[in-house]
C-alpha atoms as a PDB file:
ATOM      1  CA  MET A   1     210.339 214.575 135.798  1.00  0.00           C
ATOM      2  CA  SER A   2     208.349 213.315 132.746  1.00  0.00           C
ATOM      3  CA  GLU A   3     208.298 215.194 129.280  1.00  0.00           C
ATOM      4  CA  LEU A   4     204.753 215.814 129.529  1.00  0.00           C
ATOM      5  CA  GLN A   5     205.074 217.469 132.778  1.00  0.00           C
ATOM      6  CA  PHE A   6     207.833 219.755 131.535  1.00  0.00           C
ATOM      7  CA  ILE A   7     205.687 220.710 128.659  1.00  0.00           C
ATOM      8  CA  TRP A   8     202.762 221.220 130.457  1.00  0.00           C
ATOM      9  CA  PHE A   9     205.280 223.669 132.715  1.00  0.00           C
ATOM     10  CA  LEU A  10     206.255 225.534 129.228  1.00  0.00           C
ATOM     11  CA  LEU A  11     202.563 225.535 128.265  1.00  0.00           C
ATOM     12  CA  ILE A  12     201.647 227.302 131.359  1.00  0.00           C
ATOM     13  CA  ALA A  13     204.553 230.003 131.429  1.00  0.00           C
ATOM     14  CA  VAL A  14     203.382 230.795 127.571  1.00  0.00           C
ATOM     15  CA  LEU A  15     199.720 231.134 128.688  1.00  0.00           C
ATOM     16  CA  TRP A  16     200.956 233.601 131.088  1.00  0.00           C
ATOM     17  CA  ALA A  17     203.192 235.545 128.568  1.00  0.00           C
ATOM     18  CA  GLY A  18     200.477 235.568 126.030  1.00  0.00           C
ATOM     19  CA  TYR A  19     198.133 236.958 128.604  1.00  0.00           C
ATOM     20  CA  LEU A  20     200.430 239.743 129.947  1.00  0.00           C
ATOM     21  CA  PHE A  21     201.280 240.638 126.213  1.00  0.00           C
ATOM     22  CA  LEU A  22     197.482 240.862 125.325  1.00  0.00           C
ATOM     23  CA  GLU A  23     195.789 242.068 128.316  1.00  0.00           C
ATOM     24  CA  GLY A  24     198.814 244.299 129.347  1.00  0.00           C
ATOM     25  CA  TYR A  25     197.989 246.848 126.841  1.00  0.00           C
ATOM     26  CA  ASP A  26     194.146 246.522 127.814  1.00  0.00           C
ATOM     27  CA  PHE A  27     195.210 247.342 131.330  1.00  0.00           C
ATOM     28  CA  GLY A  28     197.772 250.072 130.093  1.00  0.00           C
ATOM     29  CA  VAL A  29     194.883 251.774 128.045  1.00  0.00           C
ATOM     30  CA  GLY A  30     192.236 251.667 131.003  1.00  0.00           C
ATOM     31  CA  MET A  31     194.387 253.554 133.256  1.00  0.00           C
ATOM     32  CA  GLN A  32     194.738 256.204 130.557  1.00  0.00           C
ATOM     33  CA  PHE A  33     190.813 257.105 130.745  1.00  0.00           C
ATOM     34  CA  PHE A  34     192.137 259.863 133.197  1.00  0.00           C
ATOM     35  CA  THR A  35     195.775 259.900 132.836  1.00  0.00           C
ATOM     36  CA  VAL A  36     195.913 260.732 128.996  1.00  0.00           C
ATOM     37  CA  ALA A  37     192.017 261.178 127.857  1.00  0.00           C
ATOM     38  CA  ARG A  38     191.347 264.588 128.644  1.00  0.00           C
ATOM     39  CA  ASP A  39     187.265 264.850 127.623  1.00  0.00           C
ATOM     40  CA  GLN A  40     184.524 262.108 126.952  1.00  0.00           C
ATOM     41  CA  HIS A  41     185.500 262.045 123.048  1.00  0.00           C
ATOM     42  CA  GLU A  42     188.893 261.074 123.922  1.00  0.00           C
ATOM     43  CA  ARG A  43     187.700 258.299 126.293  1.00  0.00           C
ATOM     44  CA  GLU A  44     185.544 257.022 124.099  1.00  0.00           C
ATOM     45  CA  ALA A  45     188.107 256.651 121.265  1.00  0.00           C
ATOM     46  CA  LEU A  46     190.333 254.849 124.034  1.00  0.00           C
ATOM     47  CA  TYR A  47     187.412 252.138 124.438  1.00  0.00           C
ATOM     48  CA  GLU A  48     187.016 251.910 120.907  1.00  0.00           C
ATOM     49  CA  THR A  49     190.738 250.693 120.826  1.00  0.00           C
ATOM     50  CA  ILE A  50     190.011 247.690 123.153  1.00  0.00           C
ATOM     51  CA  GLY A  51     186.187 247.235 122.722  1.00  0.00           C
ATOM     52  CA  PRO A  52     186.394 244.445 120.171  1.00  0.00           C
ATOM     53  CA  THR A  53     189.029 242.356 121.827  1.00  0.00           C
ATOM     54  CA  TRP A  54     189.418 242.980 125.673  1.00  0.00           C
ATOM     55  CA  ASP A  55     187.139 239.887 126.358  1.00  0.00           C
ATOM     56  CA  GLY A  56     188.872 237.641 124.059  1.00  0.00           C
ATOM     57  CA  ASN A  57     192.265 238.529 125.802  1.00  0.00           C
ATOM     58  CA  GLU A  58     190.996 237.699 129.051  1.00  0.00           C
ATOM     59  CA  VAL A  59     190.525 233.893 127.647  1.00  0.00           C
ATOM     60  CA  TRP A  60     193.895 233.430 128.538  1.00  0.00           C
ATOM     61  CA  LEU A  61     193.770 234.094 131.943  1.00  0.00           C
ATOM     62  CA  ILE A  62     191.138 231.633 132.449  1.00  0.00           C
ATOM     63  CA  THR A  63     193.094 229.113 130.377  1.00  0.00           C
ATOM     64  CA  ALA A  64     196.146 229.653 132.322  1.00  0.00           C
ATOM     65  CA  GLY A  65     194.092 229.116 135.543  1.00  0.00           C
ATOM     66  CA  GLY A  66     192.146 226.073 134.115  1.00  0.00           C
ATOM     67  CA  ALA A  67     195.388 224.292 133.142  1.00  0.00           C
ATOM     68  CA  THR A  68     197.397 224.758 136.000  1.00  0.00           C
ATOM     69  CA  PHE A  69     194.103 223.473 137.908  1.00  0.00           C
ATOM     70  CA  ALA A  70     194.148 220.396 135.650  1.00  0.00           C
ATOM     71  CA  ALA A  71     197.854 219.748 135.085  1.00  0.00           C
ATOM     72  CA  PHE A  72     198.839 220.518 138.592  1.00  0.00           C
ATOM     73  CA  PRO A  73     196.016 220.334 141.104  1.00  0.00           C
ATOM     74  CA  TYR A  74     198.353 220.877 144.343  1.00  0.00           C
ATOM     75  CA  TRP A  75     200.213 223.890 142.679  1.00  0.00           C
ATOM     76  CA  TYR A  76     196.707 225.496 141.901  1.00  0.00           C
ATOM     77  CA  ALA A  77     195.539 224.248 145.797  1.00  0.00           C
ATOM     78  CA  SER A  78     198.392 226.073 147.346  1.00  0.00           C
ATOM     79  CA  LEU A  79     198.373 229.022 145.101  1.00  0.00           C
ATOM     80  CA  PHE A  80     194.812 229.914 145.008  1.00  0.00           C
ATOM     81  CA  SER A  81     194.100 228.895 148.861  1.00  0.00           C
ATOM     82  CA  GLY A  82     197.234 230.772 149.928  1.00  0.00           C
ATOM     83  CA  PHE A  83     196.673 233.908 147.987  1.00  0.00           C
ATOM     84  CA  TYR A  84     192.931 233.841 148.097  1.00  0.00           C
ATOM     85  CA  LEU A  85     192.596 237.578 148.711  1.00  0.00           C
ATOM     86  CA  LEU A  86     194.740 238.712 146.106  1.00  0.00           C
ATOM     87  CA  LEU A  87     193.084 236.500 143.427  1.00  0.00           C
ATOM     88  CA  PHE A  88     190.034 237.803 144.745  1.00  0.00           C
ATOM     89  CA  ALA A  89     190.957 241.328 144.239  1.00  0.00           C
ATOM     90  CA  ILE A  90     191.995 240.521 140.722  1.00  0.00           C
ATOM     91  CA  LEU A  91     188.774 238.887 140.082  1.00  0.00           C
ATOM     92  CA  MET A  92     186.731 241.929 141.365  1.00  0.00           C
ATOM     93  CA  ALA A  93     188.718 243.964 139.381  1.00  0.00           C
ATOM     94  CA  LEU A  94     188.314 242.152 136.243  1.00  0.00           C
ATOM     95  CA  ILE A  95     184.185 241.620 137.268  1.00  0.00           C
ATOM     96  CA  TYR A  96     183.858 245.607 137.634  1.00  0.00           C
ATOM     97  CA  ARG A  97     185.991 246.432 134.818  1.00  0.00           C
ATOM     98  CA  GLY A  98     184.205 244.166 132.215  1.00  0.00           C
ATOM     99  CA  VAL A  99     181.071 245.837 133.941  1.00  0.00           C
ATOM    100  CA  SER A 100     182.033 249.075 133.830  1.00  0.00           C
ATOM    101  CA  PHE A 101     182.899 248.969 129.746  1.00  0.00           C
ATOM    102  CA  GLU A 102     178.880 248.120 129.319  1.00  0.00           C
ATOM    103  CA  PHE A 103     177.588 249.988 131.841  1.00  0.00           C
ATOM    104  CA  ARG A 104     179.285 253.393 130.710  1.00  0.00           C
ATOM    105  CA  GLU A 105     177.352 252.635 127.421  1.00  0.00           C
ATOM    106  CA  TYR A 106     173.903 253.291 129.087  1.00  0.00           C
ATOM    107  CA  MET A 107     174.647 256.471 131.656  1.00  0.00           C
ATOM    108  CA  PRO A 108     172.278 259.279 130.762  1.00  0.00           C
ATOM    109  CA  THR A 109     174.900 261.792 132.076  1.00  0.00           C
ATOM    110  CA  VAL A 110     178.348 262.910 131.703  1.00  0.00           C
ATOM    111  CA  PRO A 111     179.041 262.581 135.334  1.00  0.00           C
ATOM    112  CA  GLY A 112     177.392 259.135 135.468  1.00  0.00           C
ATOM    113  CA  THR A 113     179.283 257.727 132.351  1.00  0.00           C
ATOM    114  CA  GLN A 114     182.541 258.764 134.314  1.00  0.00           C
ATOM    115  CA  ILE A 115     181.918 256.897 137.613  1.00  0.00           C
ATOM    116  CA  TRP A 116     182.222 253.966 135.303  1.00  0.00           C
ATOM    117  CA  GLU A 117     184.948 255.107 133.747  1.00  0.00           C
ATOM    118  CA  ARG A 118     186.848 255.883 136.990  1.00  0.00           C
ATOM    119  CA  LEU A 119     186.218 252.458 138.088  1.00  0.00           C
ATOM    120  CA  ILE A 120     187.778 251.257 134.736  1.00  0.00           C
ATOM    121  CA  ALA A 121     191.065 253.156 135.636  1.00  0.00           C
ATOM    122  CA  ILE A 122     191.198 251.639 139.161  1.00  0.00           C
ATOM    123  CA  ALA A 123     190.461 248.274 138.068  1.00  0.00           C
ATOM    124  CA  SER A 124     193.214 248.453 135.500  1.00  0.00           C
ATOM    125  CA  PHE A 125     195.764 249.394 138.170  1.00  0.00           C
ATOM    126  CA  ILE A 126     194.251 246.852 140.818  1.00  0.00           C
ATOM    127  CA  ALA A 127     194.589 243.610 138.548  1.00  0.00           C
ATOM    128  CA  PRO A 128     198.230 244.115 137.229  1.00  0.00           C
ATOM    129  CA  PHE A 129     199.605 245.314 140.513  1.00  0.00           C
ATOM    130  CA  SER A 130     197.843 242.289 142.361  1.00  0.00           C
ATOM    131  CA  LEU A 131     199.596 239.917 139.686  1.00  0.00           C
ATOM    132  CA  GLY A 132     202.919 241.596 140.280  1.00  0.00           C
ATOM    133  CA  ILE A 133     202.575 240.947 143.856  1.00  0.00           C
ATOM    134  CA  ILE A 134     201.902 237.302 143.784  1.00  0.00           C
ATOM    135  CA  PHE A 135     204.332 236.273 141.297  1.00  0.00           C
ATOM    136  CA  THR A 136     207.141 237.884 143.038  1.00  0.00           C
ATOM    137  CA  ALA A 137     205.977 236.340 146.571  1.00  0.00           C
ATOM    138  CA  MET A 138     205.538 233.195 144.941  1.00  0.00           C
ATOM    139  CA  VAL A 139     209.321 233.077 143.896  1.00  0.00           C
ATOM    140  CA  SER A 140     210.764 234.907 146.980  1.00  0.00           C
ATOM    141  CA  GLY A 141     209.243 232.341 149.285  1.00  0.00           C
ATOM    142  CA  THR A 142     206.069 231.615 151.148  1.00  0.00           C
ATOM    143  CA  PRO A 143     205.088 229.680 154.645  1.00  0.00           C
ATOM    144  CA  ILE A 144     204.192 226.609 153.183  1.00  0.00           C
ATOM    145  CA  ASP A 145     204.271 223.266 155.157  1.00  0.00           C
ATOM    146  CA  ALA A 146     205.027 219.675 154.583  1.00  0.00           C
ATOM    147  CA  LYS A 147     201.337 218.917 153.239  1.00  0.00           C
ATOM    148  CA  GLY A 148     201.544 221.940 150.701  1.00  0.00           C
ATOM    149  CA  ASN A 149     199.347 224.104 153.118  1.00  0.00           C
ATOM    150  CA  LEU A 150     200.142 227.906 152.390  1.00  0.00           C
ATOM    151  CA  SER A 151     199.126 229.874 155.434  1.00  0.00           C
ATOM    152  CA  ALA A 152     200.442 233.698 154.748  1.00  0.00           C
ATOM    153  CA  GLY A 153     200.224 237.000 156.637  1.00  0.00           C
ATOM    154  CA  PHE A 154     200.290 240.262 155.491  1.00  0.00           C
ATOM    155  CA  PHE A 155     203.849 240.671 155.384  1.00  0.00           C
ATOM    156  CA  ASP A 156     204.337 237.489 153.625  1.00  0.00           C
ATOM    157  CA  TYR A 157     202.735 239.040 150.853  1.00  0.00           C
ATOM    158  CA  PHE A 158     203.935 242.657 150.991  1.00  0.00           C
ATOM    159  CA  THR A 159     207.643 242.902 150.829  1.00  0.00           C
ATOM    160  CA  PRO A 160     209.883 245.556 149.332  1.00  0.00           C
ATOM    161  CA  PHE A 161     210.532 243.106 146.650  1.00  0.00           C
ATOM    162  CA  THR A 162     206.533 242.216 145.926  1.00  0.00           C
ATOM    163  CA  VAL A 163     205.612 245.773 146.075  1.00  0.00           C
ATOM    164  CA  VAL A 164     208.432 247.024 143.573  1.00  0.00           C
ATOM    165  CA  GLY A 165     207.337 243.857 141.311  1.00  0.00           C
ATOM    166  CA  GLY A 166     203.689 245.190 141.383  1.00  0.00           C
ATOM    167  CA  VAL A 167     204.546 248.329 140.613  1.00  0.00           C
ATOM    168  CA  ALA A 168     207.089 247.140 137.724  1.00  0.00           C
ATOM    169  CA  VAL A 169     204.245 245.361 136.188  1.00  0.00           C
ATOM    170  CA  VAL A 170     201.717 248.228 136.365  1.00  0.00           C
ATOM    171  CA  LEU A 171     204.232 250.513 134.761  1.00  0.00           C
ATOM    172  CA  MET A 172     205.088 247.837 132.052  1.00  0.00           C
ATOM    173  CA  CYS A 173     201.367 247.623 131.217  1.00  0.00           C
ATOM    174  CA  TYR A 174     200.813 251.163 131.486  1.00  0.00           C
ATOM    175  CA  ILE A 175     203.794 251.779 128.808  1.00  0.00           C
ATOM    176  CA  HIS A 176     202.585 248.703 126.922  1.00  0.00           C
ATOM    177  CA  GLY A 177     199.307 250.541 126.646  1.00  0.00           C
ATOM    178  CA  LEU A 178     200.550 253.873 125.675  1.00  0.00           C
ATOM    179  CA  ASN A 179     202.482 251.990 122.604  1.00  0.00           C
ATOM    180  CA  TYR A 180     199.259 250.433 121.623  1.00  0.00           C
ATOM    181  CA  THR A 181     197.090 253.752 121.885  1.00  0.00           C
ATOM    182  CA  ARG A 182     199.704 255.344 119.270  1.00  0.00           C
ATOM    183  CA  ILE A 183     199.266 252.391 117.452  1.00  0.00           C
ATOM    184  CA  ARG A 184     195.638 252.675 117.088  1.00  0.00           C
ATOM    185  CA  ILE A 185     194.479 256.420 117.624  1.00  0.00           C
ATOM    186  CA  ASP A 186     195.100 259.290 115.407  1.00  0.00           C
ATOM    187  CA  GLY A 187     194.815 263.048 116.844  1.00  0.00           C
ATOM    188  CA  GLU A 188     196.111 265.119 119.412  1.00  0.00           C
ATOM    189  CA  MET A 189     196.297 262.411 122.173  1.00  0.00           C
ATOM    190  CA  ARG A 190     198.883 260.444 120.513  1.00  0.00           C
ATOM    191  CA  TYR A 191     201.409 263.514 121.068  1.00  0.00           C
ATOM    192  CA  ARG A 192     200.249 263.450 124.776  1.00  0.00           C
ATOM    193  CA  VAL A 193     201.438 259.812 125.014  1.00  0.00           C
ATOM    194  CA  VAL A 194     204.690 260.295 123.216  1.00  0.00           C
ATOM    195  CA  LYS A 195     205.357 262.829 125.958  1.00  0.00           C
ATOM    196  CA  GLN A 196     204.539 260.679 128.714  1.00  0.00           C
ATOM    197  CA  LEU A 197     206.674 257.993 127.513  1.00  0.00           C
ATOM    198  CA  LYS A 198     209.562 259.941 127.246  1.00  0.00           C
ATOM    199  CA  VAL A 199     209.190 260.594 131.021  1.00  0.00           C
ATOM    200  CA  LEU A 200     208.071 256.865 131.857  1.00  0.00           C
ATOM    201  CA  TYR A 201     210.652 254.936 129.813  1.00  0.00           C
ATOM    202  CA  PRO A 202     213.655 256.245 132.226  1.00  0.00           C
ATOM    203  CA  LEU A 203     211.719 255.264 135.098  1.00  0.00           C
ATOM    204  CA  LEU A 204     210.796 251.871 134.095  1.00  0.00           C
ATOM    205  CA  VAL A 205     214.672 251.269 133.552  1.00  0.00           C
ATOM    206  CA  ALA A 206     215.397 252.610 137.072  1.00  0.00           C
ATOM    207  CA  GLY A 207     212.832 250.253 138.401  1.00  0.00           C
ATOM    208  CA  GLU A 208     214.260 247.411 136.458  1.00  0.00           C
ATOM    209  CA  ALA A 209     217.508 247.741 138.017  1.00  0.00           C
ATOM    210  CA  VAL A 210     216.176 247.973 141.351  1.00  0.00           C
ATOM    211  CA  PHE A 211     214.227 245.022 140.618  1.00  0.00           C
ATOM    212  CA  ALA A 212     217.329 243.062 139.686  1.00  0.00           C
ATOM    213  CA  VAL A 213     218.870 244.112 143.070  1.00  0.00           C
ATOM    214  CA  LEU A 214     216.154 242.974 144.913  1.00  0.00           C
ATOM    215  CA  LEU A 215     215.822 239.876 143.232  1.00  0.00           C
ATOM    216  CA  PHE A 216     219.636 238.804 144.576  1.00  0.00           C
ATOM    217  CA  PHE A 217     218.477 239.213 147.980  1.00  0.00           C
ATOM    218  CA  TYR A 218     214.771 237.567 147.921  1.00  0.00           C
ATOM    219  CA  THR A 219     215.481 234.540 145.750  1.00  0.00           C
ATOM    220  CA  ASN A 220     218.011 232.227 144.989  1.00  0.00           C
ATOM    221  CA  PHE A 221     217.788 232.784 141.082  1.00  0.00           C
ATOM    222  CA  ILE A 222     221.394 234.164 140.717  1.00  0.00           C
ATOM    223  CA  GLN A 223     222.419 231.205 143.051  1.00  0.00           C
ATOM    224  CA  THR A 224     221.150 228.252 140.884  1.00  0.00           C
ATOM    225  CA  LYS A 225     220.525 229.695 137.615  1.00  0.00           C
ATOM    226  CA  PRO A 226     223.088 232.422 137.265  1.00  0.00           C
ATOM    227  CA  VAL A 227     223.541 232.383 133.512  1.00  0.00           C
ATOM    228  CA  ALA A 228     219.885 232.166 132.451  1.00  0.00           C
ATOM    229  CA  THR A 229     219.138 234.739 135.189  1.00  0.00           C
ATOM    230  CA  ILE A 230     221.490 237.399 134.434  1.00  0.00           C
ATOM    231  CA  ILE A 231     220.676 236.517 130.312  1.00  0.00           C
ATOM    232  CA  ILE A 232     217.082 237.314 130.776  1.00  0.00           C
ATOM    233  CA  LEU A 233     217.435 240.662 132.916  1.00  0.00           C
ATOM    234  CA  ALA A 234     219.808 241.864 130.655  1.00  0.00           C
ATOM    235  CA  LEU A 235     217.193 241.221 127.530  1.00  0.00           C
ATOM    236  CA  ILE A 236     214.649 242.953 129.682  1.00  0.00           C
ATOM    237  CA  VAL A 237     216.855 246.055 130.233  1.00  0.00           C
ATOM    238  CA  ALA A 238     217.806 245.824 126.812  1.00  0.00           C
ATOM    239  CA  THR A 239     214.366 245.446 125.463  1.00  0.00           C
ATOM    240  CA  THR A 240     213.189 248.626 127.440  1.00  0.00           C
ATOM    241  CA  VAL A 241     215.949 250.830 126.159  1.00  0.00           C
ATOM    242  CA  CYS A 242     215.518 249.389 122.908  1.00  0.00           C
ATOM    243  CA  GLY A 243     211.875 250.496 122.890  1.00  0.00           C
ATOM    244  CA  TRP A 244     212.775 253.855 124.254  1.00  0.00           C
ATOM    245  CA  TRP A 245     215.190 254.449 121.760  1.00  0.00           C
ATOM    246  CA  LEU A 246     212.737 253.593 119.102  1.00  0.00           C
ATOM    247  CA  THR A 247     210.017 255.663 120.440  1.00  0.00           C
ATOM    248  CA  VAL A 248     212.207 258.866 121.156  1.00  0.00           C
ATOM    249  CA  ALA A 249     215.038 258.867 118.370  1.00  0.00           C
ATOM    250  CA  LYS A 250     213.115 257.135 115.841  1.00  0.00           C
ATOM    251  CA  ASP A 251     209.844 258.228 116.081  1.00  0.00           C
ATOM    252  CA  ARG A 252     208.477 254.314 115.535  1.00  0.00           C
ATOM    253  CA  GLU A 253     205.201 252.764 116.656  1.00  0.00           C
ATOM    254  CA  VAL A 254     204.829 248.861 115.940  1.00  0.00           C
ATOM    255  CA  LEU A 255     208.193 248.207 117.192  1.00  0.00           C
ATOM    256  CA  PRO A 256     207.931 250.186 120.355  1.00  0.00           C
ATOM    257  CA  PHE A 257     204.677 248.037 121.140  1.00  0.00           C
ATOM    258  CA  VAL A 258     206.343 244.983 120.287  1.00  0.00           C
ATOM    259  CA  ALA A 259     209.177 245.758 122.797  1.00  0.00           C
ATOM    260  CA  SER A 260     206.896 246.682 125.571  1.00  0.00           C
ATOM    261  CA  GLY A 261     205.066 243.577 125.115  1.00  0.00           C
ATOM    262  CA  LEU A 262     208.275 241.297 124.747  1.00  0.00           C
ATOM    263  CA  THR A 263     209.448 243.049 127.964  1.00  0.00           C
ATOM    264  CA  LEU A 264     206.375 241.279 129.762  1.00  0.00           C
ATOM    265  CA  VAL A 265     206.985 238.032 127.989  1.00  0.00           C
ATOM    266  CA  GLU A 266     210.560 238.179 129.361  1.00  0.00           C
ATOM    267  CA  LEU A 267     209.492 238.716 132.873  1.00  0.00           C
ATOM    268  CA  VAL A 268     207.436 235.727 132.661  1.00  0.00           C
ATOM    269  CA  ALA A 269     210.167 233.971 131.254  1.00  0.00           C
ATOM    270  CA  LEU A 270     212.655 235.095 134.226  1.00  0.00           C
ATOM    271  CA  LEU A 271     210.084 233.822 136.755  1.00  0.00           C
ATOM    272  CA  PHE A 272     209.525 230.363 135.405  1.00  0.00           C
ATOM    273  CA  VAL A 273     213.356 229.747 134.335  1.00  0.00           C
ATOM    274  CA  GLY A 274     213.956 230.802 138.132  1.00  0.00           C
ATOM    275  CA  LEU A 275     211.162 228.561 139.669  1.00  0.00           C
ATOM    276  CA  PHE A 276     211.898 225.434 137.576  1.00  0.00           C
ATOM    277  CA  PRO A 277     211.664 222.611 138.539  1.00  0.00           C
ATOM    278  CA  ARG A 278     209.667 224.194 141.495  1.00  0.00           C
ATOM    279  CA  VAL A 279     206.287 225.706 141.032  1.00  0.00           C
ATOM    280  CA  MET A 280     205.974 227.470 144.436  1.00  0.00           C
ATOM    281  CA  VAL A 281     209.237 228.233 146.748  1.00  0.00           C
ATOM    282  CA  ALA A 282     208.571 227.582 150.160  1.00  0.00           C
ATOM    283  CA  ASN A 283     210.479 229.182 153.163  1.00  0.00           C
ATOM    284  CA  ASN A 284     211.671 225.862 154.279  1.00  0.00           C
ATOM    285  CA  PRO A 285     213.273 224.521 150.703  1.00  0.00           C
ATOM    286  CA  ALA A 286     212.320 220.915 151.788  1.00  0.00           C
ATOM    287  CA  HIS A 287     208.754 222.140 151.255  1.00  0.00           C
ATOM    288  CA  ASP A 288     208.685 223.385 148.022  1.00  0.00           C
ATOM    289  CA  LEU A 289     206.330 222.440 145.669  1.00  0.00           C
ATOM    290  CA  THR A 290     208.106 220.605 142.491  1.00  0.00           C
ATOM    291  CA  ILE A 291     206.279 219.688 138.989  1.00  0.00           C
ATOM    292  CA  THR A 292     206.800 216.458 139.841  1.00  0.00           C
ATOM    293  CA  SER A 293     205.383 216.285 143.198  1.00  0.00           C
ATOM    294  CA  SER A 294     202.349 218.449 142.387  1.00  0.00           C
ATOM    295  CA  SER A 295     201.150 217.083 138.679  1.00  0.00           C
ATOM    296  CA  SER A 296     198.242 215.184 137.534  1.00  0.00           C
ATOM    297  CA  THR A 297     198.575 211.691 136.090  1.00  0.00           C
ATOM    298  CA  PRO A 298     200.349 210.809 133.169  1.00  0.00           C
ATOM    299  CA  TYR A 299     196.746 209.989 131.196  1.00  0.00           C
ATOM    300  CA  THR A 300     195.364 213.388 132.189  1.00  0.00           C
ATOM    301  CA  LEU A 301     198.349 215.304 130.965  1.00  0.00           C
ATOM    302  CA  GLN A 302     197.908 213.338 127.617  1.00  0.00           C
ATOM    303  CA  VAL A 303     194.462 214.021 126.702  1.00  0.00           C
ATOM    304  CA  MET A 304     194.826 217.454 127.960  1.00  0.00           C
ATOM    305  CA  PHE A 305     197.835 217.799 125.554  1.00  0.00           C
ATOM    306  CA  ILE A 306     195.647 216.396 122.651  1.00  0.00           C
ATOM    307  CA  VAL A 307     192.921 218.834 123.417  1.00  0.00           C
ATOM    308  CA  VAL A 308     195.491 221.676 123.472  1.00  0.00           C
ATOM    309  CA  LEU A 309     196.750 220.764 120.020  1.00  0.00           C
ATOM    310  CA  THR A 310     193.249 220.724 118.782  1.00  0.00           C
ATOM    311  CA  VAL A 311     191.952 223.856 120.465  1.00  0.00           C
ATOM    312  CA  LEU A 312     194.727 226.503 120.233  1.00  0.00           C
ATOM    313  CA  PRO A 313     195.285 226.837 116.720  1.00  0.00           C
ATOM    314  CA  ILE A 314     191.594 227.862 116.096  1.00  0.00           C
ATOM    315  CA  VAL A 315     191.742 230.308 119.183  1.00  0.00           C
ATOM    316  CA  LEU A 316     194.990 232.025 117.999  1.00  0.00           C
ATOM    317  CA  ALA A 317     193.404 232.227 114.048  1.00  0.00           C
ATOM    318  CA  TYR A 318     190.339 233.925 115.590  1.00  0.00           C
ATOM    319  CA  GLN A 319     192.070 236.111 117.356  1.00  0.00           C
ATOM    320  CA  ILE A 320     194.277 237.282 114.751  1.00  0.00           C
ATOM    321  CA  TRP A 321     191.142 237.778 112.614  1.00  0.00           C
ATOM    322  CA  SER A 322     189.782 239.793 114.903  1.00  0.00           C
ATOM    323  CA  PHE A 323     192.860 241.858 115.111  1.00  0.00           C
ATOM    324  CA  TRP A 324     193.054 242.231 111.624  1.00  0.00           C
ATOM    325  CA  VAL A 325     189.186 243.177 111.614  1.00  0.00           C
ATOM    326  CA  PHE A 326     189.752 246.096 113.768  1.00  0.00           C
ATOM    327  CA  ARG A 327     193.206 247.448 112.343  1.00  0.00           C
ATOM    328  CA  LYS A 328     192.157 250.627 111.300  1.00  0.00           C
ATOM    329  CA  ARG A 329     192.996 253.825 113.333  1.00  0.00           C
ATOM    330  CA  ILE A 330     190.532 255.595 115.626  1.00  0.00           C
ATOM    331  CA  VAL A 331     190.467 259.292 114.838  1.00  0.00           C
ATOM    332  CA  ALA A 332     190.212 261.224 118.455  1.00  0.00           C
ATOM    333  CA  PRO A 333     188.838 264.661 117.961  1.00  0.00           C
ATOM    334  CA  LYS A 334     190.726 267.689 118.855  1.00  0.00           C
ATOM    335  CA  VAL A 335     190.216 268.872 122.399  1.00  0.00           C
ATOM    336  CA  VAL A 336     189.519 272.585 122.441  1.00  0.00           C
ATOM    337  CA  GLU A 337     191.228 274.334 125.313  1.00  0.00           C
END
């Protein structure tokens, strides 16, 4: 394995971590349209918190997919063909979510607006749930043949481990979104957010414990990388507990948001550290896809690396600037009971 192959594997992990950190709270806010907001004014306030940035956050997903295609074409081919239906569900969820954000503005009636807002909430659930299924199935083993072809059935996608993984990602994103709402919105809705966080944090800690147990039975992470796996699992739980404590005991806002985002980053780290040097795990270990066997030529990796070094700082600077411009709190009107 060359240095460039390792660097690109690391870069793809960073792109996925950045995507879940940024788009994670977008998904969480989208689900709040009908779990936190009580009227049209509050739903409008929720939209205003992510309206200027949600489409920019999705650039990280496009970049992660494009980087996988260019740097590891055989990984891309197996992943996108084998998980076609789940990836199609993610694509449709993101399309309907984006369309709904725009169309809700032009509906002349409240019931018409709520149709699109329900689609936002549903799509914001489907996308992270499907991503959780894909990532956990990818590391727990899939029916890949000697040529790298993946032909999976329903029970290859949906196992106790993958379902728990999908639910865990949804819950992490939802809590991340709740923490973001506390930062961006001022008003009565913030108090309802805190009430939900007090209930959901213990559920997430319990879910992470179940996930850790299933990880032992469905993957070989503990057997091949015991120290790194245990450390990252401990960090995931510790970060969640820290966010819980900062929310309930200290009434902090920014630090719990950072903690919930770091939990998603640590989840990506766990999966990629456990995978390394593989990129996809096969039921037959002889058919595992590795960094070496699935990568592009050294020249391709070198040219792409130069492009990334040039473009990435510009993208990061733009996103930081956009967050700074839209940093002010949004006041949600009080709901009259």
